[in-house]
Amino acid sequence: MDVQEKEKEKVLKQLIADYKIVFGSEQGERVLEDLKKRCHFYASTHVKDNSHESAFYEGQRAAVLWIDNVTKHKEK
C-alpha cells in the first residue's frame, strides 16, 4: 500500500468515526430515524409510470442507506 492509499484509508476511517459520533448520539439517532421515514428506507421507491420520480426517491434512499451502513460498520 503506497502513501496515498494509506492517507485515503486514514481519511475514510476518520469519516466513519465521525458518522458514528454524529448519528450515535440520542439526537443523531432521532434524526436518522426521521430520515429513514422521509427517504423511503422502509418502503418501495417505485412510482408506477414515472421512472424519474422513482430514481429521485431511490437517490434519497441510497443516501440514508449509506449513513445506516457506515454507522453499523465494524472495523476488521
PDB file of N, CA and C in Angstrom:
ATOM      1  N   MET A   1       0.848  -1.174   0.000  1.00  0.00           N
ATOM      2  CA  MET A   1       0.000   0.000   0.000  1.00  0.00           C
ATOM      3  C   MET A   1       0.899   1.244   0.000  1.00  0.00           C
ATOM      4  N   ASP A   2       0.679   2.143  -0.952  1.00  0.00           N
ATOM      5  CA  ASP A   2       1.520   3.336  -1.021  1.00  0.00           C
ATOM      6  C   ASP A   2       1.008   4.428  -0.076  1.00  0.00           C
ATOM      7  N   VAL A   3       1.731   5.506  -0.005  1.00  0.00           N
ATOM      8  CA  VAL A   3       1.435   6.596   0.922  1.00  0.00           C
ATOM      9  C   VAL A   3       0.057   7.203   0.648  1.00  0.00           C
ATOM     10  N   GLN A   4      -0.260   7.381  -0.612  1.00  0.00           N
ATOM     11  CA  GLN A   4      -1.548   7.978  -0.983  1.00  0.00           C
ATOM     12  C   GLN A   4      -2.709   7.078  -0.554  1.00  0.00           C
ATOM     13  N   GLU A   5      -2.585   5.784  -0.741  1.00  0.00           N
ATOM     14  CA  GLU A   5      -3.632   4.847  -0.334  1.00  0.00           C
ATOM     15  C   GLU A   5      -3.779   4.825   1.183  1.00  0.00           C
ATOM     16  N   LYS A   6      -2.661   4.895   1.899  1.00  0.00           N
ATOM     17  CA  LYS A   6      -2.706   4.928   3.365  1.00  0.00           C
ATOM     18  C   LYS A   6      -3.419   6.186   3.851  1.00  0.00           C
ATOM     19  N   GLU A   7      -3.159   7.298   3.195  1.00  0.00           N
ATOM     20  CA  GLU A   7      -3.812   8.556   3.572  1.00  0.00           C
ATOM     21  C   GLU A   7      -5.321   8.483   3.312  1.00  0.00           C
ATOM     22  N   LYS A   8      -5.707   7.907   2.171  1.00  0.00           N
ATOM     23  CA  LYS A   8      -7.130   7.739   1.867  1.00  0.00           C
ATOM     24  C   LYS A   8      -7.812   6.855   2.905  1.00  0.00           C
ATOM     25  N   GLU A   9      -7.138   5.786   3.304  1.00  0.00           N
ATOM     26  CA  GLU A   9      -7.679   4.879   4.311  1.00  0.00           C
ATOM     27  C   GLU A   9      -7.832   5.589   5.657  1.00  0.00           C
ATOM     28  N   LYS A  10      -6.852   6.403   6.001  1.00  0.00           N
ATOM     29  CA  LYS A  10      -6.898   7.165   7.249  1.00  0.00           C
ATOM     30  C   LYS A  10      -8.084   8.137   7.238  1.00  0.00           C
ATOM     31  N   VAL A  11      -8.263   8.825   6.136  1.00  0.00           N
ATOM     32  CA  VAL A  11      -9.376   9.779   6.000  1.00  0.00           C
ATOM     33  C   VAL A  11     -10.716   9.045   6.091  1.00  0.00           C
ATOM     34  N   LEU A  12     -10.834   7.898   5.436  1.00  0.00           N
ATOM     35  CA  LEU A  12     -12.071   7.124   5.473  1.00  0.00           C
ATOM     36  C   LEU A  12     -12.375   6.640   6.888  1.00  0.00           C
ATOM     37  N   LYS A  13     -11.358   6.158   7.600  1.00  0.00           N
ATOM     38  CA  LYS A  13     -11.559   5.708   8.983  1.00  0.00           C
ATOM     39  C   LYS A  13     -12.046   6.852   9.862  1.00  0.00           C
ATOM     40  N   GLN A  14     -11.478   8.037   9.664  1.00  0.00           N
ATOM     41  CA  GLN A  14     -11.909   9.194  10.451  1.00  0.00           C
ATOM     42  C   GLN A  14     -13.339   9.579  10.105  1.00  0.00           C
ATOM     43  N   LEU A  15     -13.681   9.516   8.834  1.00  0.00           N
ATOM     44  CA  LEU A  15     -15.042   9.842   8.402  1.00  0.00           C
ATOM     45  C   LEU A  15     -16.056   8.867   8.998  1.00  0.00           C
ATOM     46  N   ILE A  16     -15.720   7.589   9.010  1.00  0.00           N
ATOM     47  CA  ILE A  16     -16.593   6.576   9.617  1.00  0.00           C
ATOM     48  C   ILE A  16     -16.767   6.877  11.107  1.00  0.00           C
ATOM     49  N   ALA A  17     -15.693   7.212  11.782  1.00  0.00           N
ATOM     50  CA  ALA A  17     -15.771   7.561  13.206  1.00  0.00           C
ATOM     51  C   ALA A  17     -16.651   8.788  13.405  1.00  0.00           C
ATOM     52  N   ASP A  18     -16.535   9.770  12.520  1.00  0.00           N
ATOM     53  CA  ASP A  18     -17.357  10.980  12.611  1.00  0.00           C
ATOM     54  C   ASP A  18     -18.842  10.665  12.444  1.00  0.00           C
ATOM     55  N   TYR A  19     -19.169   9.826  11.462  1.00  0.00           N
ATOM     56  CA  TYR A  19     -20.564   9.419  11.265  1.00  0.00           C
ATOM     57  C   TYR A  19     -21.101   8.739  12.524  1.00  0.00           C
ATOM     58  N   LYS A  20     -20.292   7.866  13.115  1.00  0.00           N
ATOM     59  CA  LYS A  20     -20.725   7.142  14.312  1.00  0.00           C
ATOM     60  C   LYS A  20     -20.956   8.088  15.477  1.00  0.00           C
ATOM     61  N   ILE A  21     -20.120   9.101  15.613  1.00  0.00           N
ATOM     62  CA  ILE A  21     -20.306  10.085  16.684  1.00  0.00           C
ATOM     63  C   ILE A  21     -21.594  10.874  16.454  1.00  0.00           C
ATOM     64  N   VAL A  22     -21.757  11.386  15.250  1.00  0.00           N
ATOM     65  CA  VAL A  22     -22.921  12.228  14.943  1.00  0.00           C
ATOM     66  C   VAL A  22     -24.218  11.447  15.068  1.00  0.00           C
ATOM     67  N   PHE A  23     -24.288  10.282  14.433  1.00  0.00           N
ATOM     68  CA  PHE A  23     -25.542   9.527  14.421  1.00  0.00           C
ATOM     69  C   PHE A  23     -25.661   8.554  15.584  1.00  0.00           C
ATOM     70  N   GLY A  24     -24.639   8.462  16.409  1.00  0.00           N
ATOM     71  CA  GLY A  24     -24.691   7.596  17.579  1.00  0.00           C
ATOM     72  C   GLY A  24     -25.256   8.274  18.810  1.00  0.00           C
ATOM     73  N   SER A  25     -25.351   9.598  18.754  1.00  0.00           N
ATOM     74  CA  SER A  25     -25.932  10.330  19.876  1.00  0.00           C
ATOM     75  C   SER A  25     -27.453  10.139  19.877  1.00  0.00           C
ATOM     76  N   GLU A  26     -28.067  10.485  20.967  1.00  0.00           N
ATOM     77  CA  GLU A  26     -29.530  10.381  21.058  1.00  0.00           C
ATOM     78  C   GLU A  26     -30.199  11.240  19.984  1.00  0.00           C
ATOM     79  N   GLN A  27     -29.691  12.445  19.804  1.00  0.00           N
ATOM     80  CA  GLN A  27     -30.243  13.340  18.786  1.00  0.00           C
ATOM     81  C   GLN A  27     -30.010  12.788  17.381  1.00  0.00           C
ATOM     82  N   GLY A  28     -28.802  12.274  17.166  1.00  0.00           N
ATOM     83  CA  GLY A  28     -28.471  11.713  15.858  1.00  0.00           C
ATOM     84  C   GLY A  28     -29.325  10.511  15.508  1.00  0.00           C
ATOM     85  N   GLU A  29     -29.614   9.679  16.502  1.00  0.00           N
ATOM     86  CA  GLU A  29     -30.488   8.518  16.267  1.00  0.00           C
ATOM     87  C   GLU A  29     -31.892   8.963  15.886  1.00  0.00           C
ATOM     88  N   ARG A  30     -32.383  10.035  16.520  1.00  0.00           N
ATOM     89  CA  ARG A  30     -33.711  10.555  16.160  1.00  0.00           C
ATOM     90  C   ARG A  30     -33.713  11.101  14.737  1.00  0.00           C
ATOM     91  N   VAL A  31     -32.657  11.836  14.406  1.00  0.00           N
ATOM     92  CA  VAL A  31     -32.558  12.407  13.058  1.00  0.00           C
ATOM     93  C   VAL A  31     -32.474  11.293  12.022  1.00  0.00           C
ATOM     94  N   LEU A  32     -31.657  10.273  12.281  1.00  0.00           N
ATOM     95  CA  LEU A  32     -31.534   9.167  11.335  1.00  0.00           C
ATOM     96  C   LEU A  32     -32.864   8.447  11.157  1.00  0.00           C
ATOM     97  N   GLU A  33     -33.578   8.233  12.219  1.00  0.00           N
ATOM     98  CA  GLU A  33     -34.885   7.575  12.113  1.00  0.00           C
ATOM     99  C   GLU A  33     -35.849   8.437  11.293  1.00  0.00           C
ATOM    100  N   ASP A  34     -35.813   9.737  11.485  1.00  0.00           N
ATOM    101  CA  ASP A  34     -36.648  10.639  10.691  1.00  0.00           C
ATOM    102  C   ASP A  34     -36.261  10.567   9.214  1.00  0.00           C
ATOM    103  N   LEU A  35     -34.963  10.562   8.930  1.00  0.00           N
ATOM    104  CA  LEU A  35     -34.508  10.445   7.545  1.00  0.00           C
ATOM    105  C   LEU A  35     -34.960   9.133   6.917  1.00  0.00           C
ATOM    106  N   LYS A  36     -34.900   8.057   7.694  1.00  0.00           N
ATOM    107  CA  LYS A  36     -35.354   6.759   7.188  1.00  0.00           C
ATOM    108  C   LYS A  36     -36.821   6.809   6.792  1.00  0.00           C
ATOM    109  N   LYS A  37     -37.636   7.469   7.594  1.00  0.00           N
ATOM    110  CA  LYS A  37     -39.070   7.574   7.286  1.00  0.00           C
ATOM    111  C   LYS A  37     -39.309   8.472   6.075  1.00  0.00           C
ATOM    112  N   ARG A  38     -38.596   9.575   5.989  1.00  0.00           N
ATOM    113  CA  ARG A  38     -38.796  10.545   4.903  1.00  0.00           C
ATOM    114  C   ARG A  38     -38.206  10.091   3.572  1.00  0.00           C
ATOM    115  N   CYS A  39     -37.186   9.259   3.640  1.00  0.00           N
ATOM    116  CA  CYS A  39     -36.424   8.923   2.431  1.00  0.00           C
ATOM    117  C   CYS A  39     -36.588   7.470   1.995  1.00  0.00           C
ATOM    118  N   HIS A  40     -37.727   6.886   2.313  1.00  0.00           N
ATOM    119  CA  HIS A  40     -38.130   5.588   1.756  1.00  0.00           C
ATOM    120  C   HIS A  40     -37.235   4.426   2.160  1.00  0.00           C
ATOM    121  N   PHE A  41     -36.651   4.486   3.346  1.00  0.00           N
ATOM    122  CA  PHE A  41     -35.817   3.395   3.834  1.00  0.00           C
ATOM    123  C   PHE A  41     -36.648   2.127   4.025  1.00  0.00           C
ATOM    124  N   TYR A  42     -37.877   2.292   4.473  1.00  0.00           N
ATOM    125  CA  TYR A  42     -38.739   1.161   4.812  1.00  0.00           C
ATOM    126  C   TYR A  42     -39.753   0.816   3.717  1.00  0.00           C
ATOM    127  N   ALA A  43     -39.746   1.555   2.624  1.00  0.00           N
ATOM    128  CA  ALA A  43     -40.776   1.361   1.607  1.00  0.00           C
ATOM    129  C   ALA A  43     -40.168   1.322   0.208  1.00  0.00           C
ATOM    130  N   SER A  44     -40.955   0.861  -0.719  1.00  0.00           N
ATOM    131  CA  SER A  44     -40.529   0.820  -2.114  1.00  0.00           C
ATOM    132  C   SER A  44     -40.385   2.236  -2.665  1.00  0.00           C
ATOM    133  N   THR A  45     -39.430   2.413  -3.538  1.00  0.00           N
ATOM    134  CA  THR A  45     -39.250   3.712  -4.188  1.00  0.00           C
ATOM    135  C   THR A  45     -39.888   3.733  -5.573  1.00  0.00           C
ATOM    136  N   HIS A  46     -40.493   2.645  -5.957  1.00  0.00           N
ATOM    137  CA  HIS A  46     -41.096   2.552  -7.291  1.00  0.00           C
ATOM    138  C   HIS A  46     -42.344   3.419  -7.388  1.00  0.00           C
ATOM    139  N   VAL A  47     -42.403   4.235  -8.433  1.00  0.00           N
ATOM    140  CA  VAL A  47     -43.589   5.031  -8.732  1.00  0.00           C
ATOM    141  C   VAL A  47     -44.060   4.591 -10.113  1.00  0.00           C
ATOM    142  N   LYS A  48     -45.229   3.995 -10.168  1.00  0.00           N
ATOM    143  CA  LYS A  48     -45.761   3.467 -11.418  1.00  0.00           C
ATOM    144  C   LYS A  48     -45.812   4.566 -12.479  1.00  0.00           C
ATOM    145  N   ASP A  49     -45.310   4.247 -13.649  1.00  0.00           N
ATOM    146  CA  ASP A  49     -45.326   5.132 -14.820  1.00  0.00           C
ATOM    147  C   ASP A  49     -44.519   6.418 -14.637  1.00  0.00           C
ATOM    148  N   ASN A  50     -43.573   6.435 -13.697  1.00  0.00           N
ATOM    149  CA  ASN A  50     -42.762   7.640 -13.534  1.00  0.00           C
ATOM    150  C   ASN A  50     -41.350   7.250 -13.086  1.00  0.00           C
ATOM    151  N   SER A  51     -40.527   6.909 -14.048  1.00  0.00           N
ATOM    152  CA  SER A  51     -39.173   6.455 -13.734  1.00  0.00           C
ATOM    153  C   SER A  51     -38.315   7.566 -13.131  1.00  0.00           C
ATOM    154  N   HIS A  52     -38.587   8.810 -13.504  1.00  0.00           N
ATOM    155  CA  HIS A  52     -37.803   9.919 -12.954  1.00  0.00           C
ATOM    156  C   HIS A  52     -38.057  10.092 -11.458  1.00  0.00           C
ATOM    157  N   GLU A  53     -39.311  10.025 -11.073  1.00  0.00           N
ATOM    158  CA  GLU A  53     -39.644  10.133  -9.649  1.00  0.00           C
ATOM    159  C   GLU A  53     -39.097   8.935  -8.872  1.00  0.00           C
ATOM    160  N   SER A  54     -39.191   7.756  -9.482  1.00  0.00           N
ATOM    161  CA  SER A  54     -38.621   6.564  -8.836  1.00  0.00           C
ATOM    162  C   SER A  54     -37.123   6.738  -8.610  1.00  0.00           C
ATOM    163  N   ALA A  55     -36.425   7.260  -9.605  1.00  0.00           N
ATOM    164  CA  ALA A  55     -34.979   7.471  -9.492  1.00  0.00           C
ATOM    165  C   ALA A  55     -34.664   8.514  -8.420  1.00  0.00           C
ATOM    166  N   PHE A  56     -35.464   9.555  -8.338  1.00  0.00           N
ATOM    167  CA  PHE A  56     -35.280  10.577  -7.321  1.00  0.00           C
ATOM    168  C   PHE A  56     -35.416   9.973  -5.929  1.00  0.00           C
ATOM    169  N   TYR A  57     -36.482   9.213  -5.716  1.00  0.00           N
ATOM    170  CA  TYR A  57     -36.707   8.578  -4.412  1.00  0.00           C
ATOM    171  C   TYR A  57     -35.614   7.567  -4.083  1.00  0.00           C
ATOM    172  N   GLU A  58     -35.137   6.853  -5.081  1.00  0.00           N
ATOM    173  CA  GLU A  58     -34.072   5.879  -4.848  1.00  0.00           C
ATOM    174  C   GLU A  58     -32.767   6.579  -4.467  1.00  0.00           C
ATOM    175  N   GLY A  59     -32.537   7.756  -5.009  1.00  0.00           N
ATOM    176  CA  GLY A  59     -31.375   8.545  -4.618  1.00  0.00           C
ATOM    177  C   GLY A  59     -31.445   8.958  -3.158  1.00  0.00           C
ATOM    178  N   GLN A  60     -32.622   9.378  -2.713  1.00  0.00           N
ATOM    179  CA  GLN A  60     -32.807   9.705  -1.301  1.00  0.00           C
ATOM    180  C   GLN A  60     -32.521   8.479  -0.440  1.00  0.00           C
ATOM    181  N   ARG A  61     -33.082   7.366  -0.840  1.00  0.00           N
ATOM    182  CA  ARG A  61     -32.938   6.122  -0.089  1.00  0.00           C
ATOM    183  C   ARG A  61     -31.470   5.698  -0.021  1.00  0.00           C
ATOM    184  N   ALA A  62     -30.754   5.851  -1.130  1.00  0.00           N
ATOM    185  CA  ALA A  62     -29.340   5.459  -1.174  1.00  0.00           C
ATOM    186  C   ALA A  62     -28.514   6.265  -0.173  1.00  0.00           C
ATOM    187  N   ALA A  63     -28.814   7.537  -0.021  1.00  0.00           N
ATOM    188  CA  ALA A  63     -28.081   8.368   0.940  1.00  0.00           C
ATOM    189  C   ALA A  63     -28.308   7.872   2.368  1.00  0.00           C
ATOM    190  N   VAL A  64     -29.550   7.543   2.705  1.00  0.00           N
ATOM    191  CA  VAL A  64     -29.856   7.049   4.050  1.00  0.00           C
ATOM    192  C   VAL A  64     -29.249   5.660   4.266  1.00  0.00           C
ATOM    193  N   LEU A  65     -29.271   4.828   3.236  1.00  0.00           N
ATOM    194  CA  LEU A  65     -28.627   3.512   3.344  1.00  0.00           C
ATOM    195  C   LEU A  65     -27.132   3.667   3.633  1.00  0.00           C
ATOM    196  N   TRP A  66     -26.507   4.620   2.985  1.00  0.00           N
ATOM    197  CA  TRP A  66     -25.081   4.870   3.211  1.00  0.00           C
ATOM    198  C   TRP A  66     -24.834   5.222   4.680  1.00  0.00           C
ATOM    199  N   ILE A  67     -25.614   6.166   5.198  1.00  0.00           N
ATOM    200  CA  ILE A  67     -25.454   6.576   6.596  1.00  0.00           C
ATOM    201  C   ILE A  67     -25.680   5.381   7.521  1.00  0.00           C
ATOM    202  N   ASP A  68     -26.724   4.622   7.275  1.00  0.00           N
ATOM    203  CA  ASP A  68     -27.037   3.466   8.113  1.00  0.00           C
ATOM    204  C   ASP A  68     -25.909   2.437   8.070  1.00  0.00           C
ATOM    205  N   ASN A  69     -25.381   2.165   6.898  1.00  0.00           N
ATOM    206  CA  ASN A  69     -24.288   1.191   6.765  1.00  0.00           C
ATOM    207  C   ASN A  69     -23.008   1.675   7.438  1.00  0.00           C
ATOM    208  N   VAL A  70     -22.684   2.934   7.279  1.00  0.00           N
ATOM    209  CA  VAL A  70     -21.464   3.472   7.877  1.00  0.00           C
ATOM    210  C   VAL A  70     -21.553   3.434   9.397  1.00  0.00           C
ATOM    211  N   THR A  71     -22.701   3.764   9.950  1.00  0.00           N
ATOM    212  CA  THR A  71     -22.836   3.778  11.412  1.00  0.00           C
ATOM    213  C   THR A  71     -22.803   2.372  12.002  1.00  0.00           C
ATOM    214  N   LYS A  72     -23.053   1.360  11.188  1.00  0.00           N
ATOM    215  CA  LYS A  72     -23.009  -0.026  11.657  1.00  0.00           C
ATOM    216  C   LYS A  72     -21.699  -0.730  11.303  1.00  0.00           C
ATOM    217  N   HIS A  73     -20.791  -0.015  10.639  1.00  0.00           N
ATOM    218  CA  HIS A  73     -19.525  -0.574  10.167  1.00  0.00           C
ATOM    219  C   HIS A  73     -18.686  -1.094  11.339  1.00  0.00           C
ATOM    220  N   LYS A  74     -18.178  -2.295  11.180  1.00  0.00           N
ATOM    221  CA  LYS A  74     -17.284  -2.903  12.170  1.00  0.00           C
ATOM    222  C   LYS A  74     -15.876  -2.929  11.602  1.00  0.00           C
ATOM    223  N   GLU A  75     -14.936  -2.484  12.382  1.00  0.00           N
ATOM    224  CA  GLU A  75     -13.526  -2.475  11.965  1.00  0.00           C
ATOM    225  C   GLU A  75     -13.021  -3.909  11.846  1.00  0.00           C
ATOM    226  N   LYS A  76     -12.277  -4.205  10.795  1.00  0.00           N
ATOM    227  CA  LYS A  76     -11.741  -5.558  10.579  1.00  0.00           C
ATOM    228  C   LYS A  76     -10.435  -5.734  11.307  1.00  0.00           C
TER     229      LYS A  76
END
